């Protein structure tokens, strides 16, 4: 398997805008998640890979054993796979050391959280929509200098509140800077969440 073996879309953008790493949710695809990028930072270059795991024909980022029960070993493997893909894509597309920000929804937010926790050398900024803790006890990595935005619904049946709050707590325990945006809805991206993410994206 080569480093750039993940199917993906790359969209050119302006040199002074951050590169967006866009990560789709279960059953979605790179073309769909590009719409989120256009809402967040329309002038940004956009890298949108496809989840490599198929669950009954639906693309995902890692296997799960049941609803809300993730295959921890596969999460760790896929996080490493995505991290190496990002490094290779920087070389392939001449991105050098430009600022790169991940933005993901649902399963895409979960893999972004996993890479943020496990490979801070690759990913130091992430906007997470409808995310939960991807692994129960991730290996400890210092996250000083890492920035995370999280927008979640307090009534989300697919990303339980306790798991999302644990993710926030774990990030802060490891010295990440976390901006929280909670809403009273379910598994969705809200207009208020998008607006808050745009503000966060311009530190």
C-alpha atoms as a PDB file:
ATOM      1  CA  UNK A   1       0.000   0.000   0.000  1.00  0.00           C
ATOM      2  CA  UNK A   2       1.471   3.349  -1.029  1.00  0.00           C
ATOM      3  CA  UNK A   3       1.206   6.433   1.140  1.00  0.00           C
ATOM      4  CA  UNK A   4      -1.224   8.115  -1.277  1.00  0.00           C
ATOM      5  CA  UNK A   5      -3.361   5.045  -1.838  1.00  0.00           C
ATOM      6  CA  UNK A   6      -6.425   6.680  -0.262  1.00  0.00           C
ATOM      7  CA  UNK A   7      -8.849   7.865  -2.904  1.00  0.00           C
ATOM      8  CA  UNK A   8      -9.218  11.615  -2.512  1.00  0.00           C
ATOM      9  CA  UNK A   9     -10.061  14.954  -4.015  1.00  0.00           C
ATOM     10  CA  UNK A  10      -7.714  17.910  -3.948  1.00  0.00           C
ATOM     11  CA  UNK A  11      -8.954  21.408  -4.737  1.00  0.00           C
ATOM     12  CA  UNK A  12      -6.488  24.250  -5.246  1.00  0.00           C
ATOM     13  CA  UNK A  13      -6.894  27.421  -3.185  1.00  0.00           C
ATOM     14  CA  UNK A  14      -5.227  30.665  -2.236  1.00  0.00           C
ATOM     15  CA  UNK A  15      -1.728  30.672  -0.802  1.00  0.00           C
ATOM     16  CA  UNK A  16      -2.652  32.698   2.295  1.00  0.00           C
ATOM     17  CA  UNK A  17      -5.556  30.444   3.366  1.00  0.00           C
ATOM     18  CA  UNK A  18      -5.161  27.371   5.590  1.00  0.00           C
ATOM     19  CA  UNK A  19      -5.258  23.958   3.959  1.00  0.00           C
ATOM     20  CA  UNK A  20      -8.400  22.070   4.980  1.00  0.00           C
ATOM     21  CA  UNK A  21      -8.290  18.313   5.532  1.00  0.00           C
ATOM     22  CA  UNK A  22     -11.956  17.359   5.100  1.00  0.00           C
ATOM     23  CA  UNK A  23     -13.167  14.068   6.588  1.00  0.00           C
ATOM     24  CA  UNK A  24     -16.614  12.751   5.737  1.00  0.00           C
ATOM     25  CA  UNK A  25     -19.049  10.810   7.892  1.00  0.00           C
ATOM     26  CA  UNK A  26     -20.283   7.234   7.435  1.00  0.00           C
ATOM     27  CA  UNK A  27     -21.852   6.633   4.042  1.00  0.00           C
ATOM     28  CA  UNK A  28     -20.704   9.961   2.647  1.00  0.00           C
ATOM     29  CA  UNK A  29     -17.812  10.769   0.320  1.00  0.00           C
ATOM     30  CA  UNK A  30     -15.163  13.408  -0.496  1.00  0.00           C
ATOM     31  CA  UNK A  31     -17.457  15.330  -2.840  1.00  0.00           C
ATOM     32  CA  UNK A  32     -20.073  15.754  -0.103  1.00  0.00           C
ATOM     33  CA  UNK A  33     -17.632  16.935   2.571  1.00  0.00           C
ATOM     34  CA  UNK A  34     -16.161  19.561   0.238  1.00  0.00           C
ATOM     35  CA  UNK A  35     -19.367  21.504   0.905  1.00  0.00           C
ATOM     36  CA  UNK A  36     -18.332  21.837   4.553  1.00  0.00           C
ATOM     37  CA  UNK A  37     -14.975  23.217   3.474  1.00  0.00           C
ATOM     38  CA  UNK A  38     -16.637  25.818   1.284  1.00  0.00           C
ATOM     39  CA  UNK A  39     -18.731  26.934   4.254  1.00  0.00           C
ATOM     40  CA  UNK A  40     -15.706  27.195   6.552  1.00  0.00           C
ATOM     41  CA  UNK A  41     -13.081  28.745   4.290  1.00  0.00           C
ATOM     42  CA  UNK A  42     -14.008  28.940   0.590  1.00  0.00           C
ATOM     43  CA  UNK A  43     -10.586  30.233  -0.464  1.00  0.00           C
ATOM     44  CA  UNK A  44      -8.678  27.345   1.163  1.00  0.00           C
ATOM     45  CA  UNK A  45      -6.981  24.479  -0.630  1.00  0.00           C
ATOM     46  CA  UNK A  46      -9.009  21.377   0.246  1.00  0.00           C
ATOM     47  CA  UNK A  47      -7.840  17.799   0.667  1.00  0.00           C
ATOM     48  CA  UNK A  48     -10.722  15.342   0.989  1.00  0.00           C
ATOM     49  CA  UNK A  49      -9.780  11.653   1.244  1.00  0.00           C
ATOM     50  CA  UNK A  50     -12.265   8.795   1.212  1.00  0.00           C
ATOM     51  CA  UNK A  51     -12.718   6.506   4.176  1.00  0.00           C
ATOM     52  CA  UNK A  52     -11.004   3.171   3.418  1.00  0.00           C
ATOM     53  CA  UNK A  53     -13.392   0.880   5.340  1.00  0.00           C
ATOM     54  CA  UNK A  54     -16.681  -0.404   3.925  1.00  0.00           C
ATOM     55  CA  UNK A  55     -19.572  -1.213   6.255  1.00  0.00           C
ATOM     56  CA  UNK A  56     -22.307  -2.819   4.161  1.00  0.00           C
ATOM     57  CA  UNK A  57     -21.257  -0.591   1.286  1.00  0.00           C
ATOM     58  CA  UNK A  58     -20.995   2.587   3.388  1.00  0.00           C
ATOM     59  CA  UNK A  59     -17.546   4.198   3.527  1.00  0.00           C
ATOM     60  CA  UNK A  60     -16.095   4.710   6.995  1.00  0.00           C
ATOM     61  CA  UNK A  61     -12.746   5.538   8.545  1.00  0.00           C
ATOM     62  CA  UNK A  62     -12.495   2.507  10.830  1.00  0.00           C
ATOM     63  CA  UNK A  63     -14.399  -0.598  11.807  1.00  0.00           C
ATOM     64  CA  UNK A  64     -16.927  -0.723  14.594  1.00  0.00           C
ATOM     65  CA  UNK A  65     -18.174  -3.746  16.495  1.00  0.00           C
ATOM     66  CA  UNK A  66     -21.625  -2.268  17.153  1.00  0.00           C
ATOM     67  CA  UNK A  67     -23.274   1.162  17.153  1.00  0.00           C
ATOM     68  CA  UNK A  68     -20.955   3.368  19.201  1.00  0.00           C
ATOM     69  CA  UNK A  69     -18.526   0.511  19.897  1.00  0.00           C
ATOM     70  CA  UNK A  70     -15.334   0.978  17.910  1.00  0.00           C
ATOM     71  CA  UNK A  71     -12.645  -1.550  17.004  1.00  0.00           C
ATOM     72  CA  UNK A  72      -9.814   0.069  18.962  1.00  0.00           C
ATOM     73  CA  UNK A  73      -7.004  -1.690  17.103  1.00  0.00           C
ATOM     74  CA  UNK A  74      -8.459  -0.600  13.788  1.00  0.00           C
ATOM     75  CA  UNK A  75      -8.867   2.999  14.996  1.00  0.00           C
ATOM     76  CA  UNK A  76      -5.168   3.085  15.901  1.00  0.00           C
ATOM     77  CA  UNK A  77      -4.185   1.569  12.544  1.00  0.00           C
ATOM     78  CA  UNK A  78      -6.416   3.879  10.485  1.00  0.00           C
ATOM     79  CA  UNK A  79      -5.277   6.972  12.391  1.00  0.00           C
ATOM     80  CA  UNK A  80      -1.690   6.097  11.510  1.00  0.00           C
ATOM     81  CA  UNK A  81      -2.718   5.447   7.901  1.00  0.00           C
ATOM     82  CA  UNK A  82      -4.386   8.842   7.628  1.00  0.00           C
ATOM     83  CA  UNK A  83      -1.449  10.604   9.275  1.00  0.00           C
ATOM     84  CA  UNK A  84       0.961   9.112   6.736  1.00  0.00           C
ATOM     85  CA  UNK A  85      -1.412  10.048   3.920  1.00  0.00           C
ATOM     86  CA  UNK A  86      -1.376  13.670   5.083  1.00  0.00           C
ATOM     87  CA  UNK A  87       2.416  13.754   5.146  1.00  0.00           C
ATOM     88  CA  UNK A  88       2.560  12.270   1.652  1.00  0.00           C
ATOM     89  CA  UNK A  89      -0.086  14.690   0.370  1.00  0.00           C
ATOM     90  CA  UNK A  90       1.962  17.638   1.660  1.00  0.00           C
ATOM     91  CA  UNK A  91       4.802  16.444  -0.558  1.00  0.00           C
ATOM     92  CA  UNK A  92       2.606  15.497  -3.521  1.00  0.00           C
ATOM     93  CA  UNK A  93       0.804  18.837  -3.676  1.00  0.00           C
ATOM     94  CA  UNK A  94       3.701  21.064  -2.639  1.00  0.00           C
ATOM     95  CA  UNK A  95       2.054  22.163   0.610  1.00  0.00           C
ATOM     96  CA  UNK A  96       5.315  22.266   2.553  1.00  0.00           C
ATOM     97  CA  UNK A  97       4.771  23.360   6.148  1.00  0.00           C
ATOM     98  CA  UNK A  98       1.593  25.348   5.474  1.00  0.00           C
ATOM     99  CA  UNK A  99      -1.034  25.548   8.185  1.00  0.00           C
ATOM    100  CA  UNK A 100      -3.371  22.539   7.907  1.00  0.00           C
ATOM    101  CA  UNK A 101      -6.690  22.228   9.729  1.00  0.00           C
ATOM    102  CA  UNK A 102      -8.832  19.101   9.804  1.00  0.00           C
ATOM    103  CA  UNK A 103     -12.610  19.448   9.681  1.00  0.00           C
ATOM    104  CA  UNK A 104     -14.783  16.384  10.054  1.00  0.00           C
ATOM    105  CA  UNK A 105     -18.331  15.300  10.732  1.00  0.00           C
ATOM    106  CA  UNK A 106     -19.344  12.246  12.773  1.00  0.00           C
ATOM    107  CA  UNK A 107     -17.035   9.335  11.858  1.00  0.00           C
ATOM    108  CA  UNK A 108     -14.793  11.854  10.086  1.00  0.00           C
ATOM    109  CA  UNK A 109     -14.616  13.938  13.254  1.00  0.00           C
ATOM    110  CA  UNK A 110     -13.748  10.821  15.229  1.00  0.00           C
ATOM    111  CA  UNK A 111     -10.798   9.897  13.008  1.00  0.00           C
ATOM    112  CA  UNK A 112      -9.654  13.531  13.143  1.00  0.00           C
ATOM    113  CA  UNK A 113      -9.787  13.342  16.944  1.00  0.00           C
ATOM    114  CA  UNK A 114      -7.785  10.113  16.851  1.00  0.00           C
ATOM    115  CA  UNK A 115      -5.040  11.618  14.672  1.00  0.00           C
ATOM    116  CA  UNK A 116      -4.985  14.745  16.858  1.00  0.00           C
ATOM    117  CA  UNK A 117      -4.489  12.626  19.973  1.00  0.00           C
ATOM    118  CA  UNK A 118      -2.038  10.143  18.483  1.00  0.00           C
ATOM    119  CA  UNK A 119      -0.036  12.103  15.894  1.00  0.00           C
ATOM    120  CA  UNK A 120       0.324  15.725  17.023  1.00  0.00           C
ATOM    121  CA  UNK A 121       3.367  15.897  14.769  1.00  0.00           C
ATOM    122  CA  UNK A 122       0.947  15.691  11.818  1.00  0.00           C
ATOM    123  CA  UNK A 123      -2.236  17.394  13.018  1.00  0.00           C
ATOM    124  CA  UNK A 124      -2.404  20.272  15.504  1.00  0.00           C
ATOM    125  CA  UNK A 125      -5.744  21.882  14.560  1.00  0.00           C
ATOM    126  CA  UNK A 126      -9.130  20.240  14.126  1.00  0.00           C
ATOM    127  CA  UNK A 127     -12.756  21.313  13.887  1.00  0.00           C
ATOM    128  CA  UNK A 128     -14.902  18.428  15.092  1.00  0.00           C
ATOM    129  CA  UNK A 129     -18.632  18.230  14.429  1.00  0.00           C
ATOM    130  CA  UNK A 130     -20.620  15.495  16.234  1.00  0.00           C
ATOM    131  CA  UNK A 131     -17.501  13.826  17.648  1.00  0.00           C
ATOM    132  CA  UNK A 132     -16.942  11.367  20.469  1.00  0.00           C
ATOM    133  CA  UNK A 133     -13.894   9.782  22.075  1.00  0.00           C
ATOM    134  CA  UNK A 134     -12.543   7.407  19.405  1.00  0.00           C
ATOM    135  CA  UNK A 135     -10.518   5.140  21.706  1.00  0.00           C
ATOM    136  CA  UNK A 136     -11.166   4.566  25.417  1.00  0.00           C
ATOM    137  CA  UNK A 137      -7.611   5.121  26.661  1.00  0.00           C
ATOM    138  CA  UNK A 138      -5.391   6.571  23.925  1.00  0.00           C
ATOM    139  CA  UNK A 139      -1.626   6.598  24.422  1.00  0.00           C
ATOM    140  CA  UNK A 140      -0.559   9.810  26.124  1.00  0.00           C
ATOM    141  CA  UNK A 141       0.936  12.483  23.878  1.00  0.00           C
ATOM    142  CA  UNK A 142       1.627  16.087  24.955  1.00  0.00           C
ATOM    143  CA  UNK A 143      -0.704  18.381  23.005  1.00  0.00           C
ATOM    144  CA  UNK A 144       0.648  21.810  23.899  1.00  0.00           C
ATOM    145  CA  UNK A 145       0.093  23.977  20.825  1.00  0.00           C
ATOM    146  CA  UNK A 146      -2.879  21.911  19.620  1.00  0.00           C
ATOM    147  CA  UNK A 147      -6.178  23.731  18.951  1.00  0.00           C
ATOM    148  CA  UNK A 148      -9.514  21.920  18.748  1.00  0.00           C
ATOM    149  CA  UNK A 149     -12.999  23.207  18.038  1.00  0.00           C
ATOM    150  CA  UNK A 150     -15.872  20.893  18.973  1.00  0.00           C
ATOM    151  CA  UNK A 151     -19.546  21.378  18.109  1.00  0.00           C
ATOM    152  CA  UNK A 152     -21.893  18.689  19.436  1.00  0.00           C
ATOM    153  CA  UNK A 153     -25.553  18.197  20.237  1.00  0.00           C
ATOM    154  CA  UNK A 154     -26.504  17.466  23.805  1.00  0.00           C
ATOM    155  CA  UNK A 155     -29.250  15.142  22.504  1.00  0.00           C
ATOM    156  CA  UNK A 156     -27.059  13.335  19.972  1.00  0.00           C
ATOM    157  CA  UNK A 157     -27.857   9.585  20.131  1.00  0.00           C
ATOM    158  CA  UNK A 158     -24.840   8.650  17.989  1.00  0.00           C
ATOM    159  CA  UNK A 159     -22.226  10.721  19.821  1.00  0.00           C
ATOM    160  CA  UNK A 160     -23.257  10.386  23.477  1.00  0.00           C
ATOM    161  CA  UNK A 161     -22.730  13.451  25.626  1.00  0.00           C
ATOM    162  CA  UNK A 162     -20.560  11.621  28.174  1.00  0.00           C
ATOM    163  CA  UNK A 163     -18.164  10.418  25.484  1.00  0.00           C
ATOM    164  CA  UNK A 164     -17.926  13.853  23.868  1.00  0.00           C
ATOM    165  CA  UNK A 165     -17.274  15.488  27.237  1.00  0.00           C
ATOM    166  CA  UNK A 166     -14.607  12.878  27.969  1.00  0.00           C
ATOM    167  CA  UNK A 167     -12.913  13.748  24.672  1.00  0.00           C
ATOM    168  CA  UNK A 168     -12.839  17.424  25.645  1.00  0.00           C
ATOM    169  CA  UNK A 169     -11.482  16.601  29.103  1.00  0.00           C
ATOM    170  CA  UNK A 170      -8.781  14.327  27.701  1.00  0.00           C
ATOM    171  CA  UNK A 171      -7.634  16.956  25.213  1.00  0.00           C
ATOM    172  CA  UNK A 172      -7.400  19.561  27.959  1.00  0.00           C
ATOM    173  CA  UNK A 173      -5.583  17.159  30.299  1.00  0.00           C
ATOM    174  CA  UNK A 174      -2.919  16.911  27.603  1.00  0.00           C
ATOM    175  CA  UNK A 175      -2.685  20.718  27.275  1.00  0.00           C
ATOM    176  CA  UNK A 176      -4.705  21.211  24.077  1.00  0.00           C
ATOM    177  CA  UNK A 177      -6.697  24.426  23.672  1.00  0.00           C
ATOM    178  CA  UNK A 178     -10.352  23.441  23.217  1.00  0.00           C
ATOM    179  CA  UNK A 179     -13.240  25.661  22.101  1.00  0.00           C
ATOM    180  CA  UNK A 180     -16.658  24.136  22.851  1.00  0.00           C
ATOM    181  CA  UNK A 181     -19.889  24.842  20.976  1.00  0.00           C
ATOM    182  CA  UNK A 182     -22.828  22.867  22.337  1.00  0.00           C
ATOM    183  CA  UNK A 183     -26.355  22.887  20.961  1.00  0.00           C
ATOM    184  CA  UNK A 184     -29.584  21.239  22.068  1.00  0.00           C
ATOM    185  CA  UNK A 185     -30.078  19.204  18.895  1.00  0.00           C
ATOM    186  CA  UNK A 186     -28.876  15.804  17.733  1.00  0.00           C
ATOM    187  CA  UNK A 187     -26.436  14.448  15.157  1.00  0.00           C
ATOM    188  CA  UNK A 188     -26.064  17.479  12.934  1.00  0.00           C
ATOM    189  CA  UNK A 189     -24.062  20.551  11.984  1.00  0.00           C
ATOM    190  CA  UNK A 190     -25.878  23.732  12.967  1.00  0.00           C
ATOM    191  CA  UNK A 191     -25.631  27.176  11.401  1.00  0.00           C
ATOM    192  CA  UNK A 192     -24.460  28.551  14.733  1.00  0.00           C
ATOM    193  CA  UNK A 193     -21.811  25.837  14.871  1.00  0.00           C
ATOM    194  CA  UNK A 194     -20.559  26.760  11.415  1.00  0.00           C
ATOM    195  CA  UNK A 195     -20.359  30.427  12.328  1.00  0.00           C
ATOM    196  CA  UNK A 196     -18.475  29.641  15.530  1.00  0.00           C
ATOM    197  CA  UNK A 197     -16.080  27.400  13.596  1.00  0.00           C
ATOM    198  CA  UNK A 198     -15.381  30.145  11.062  1.00  0.00           C
ATOM    199  CA  UNK A 199     -14.529  32.506  13.933  1.00  0.00           C
ATOM    200  CA  UNK A 200     -12.291  29.860  15.547  1.00  0.00           C
ATOM    201  CA  UNK A 201     -10.548  29.239  12.224  1.00  0.00           C
ATOM    202  CA  UNK A 202      -9.270  32.817  12.216  1.00  0.00           C
ATOM    203  CA  UNK A 203      -7.270  32.982  15.479  1.00  0.00           C
END
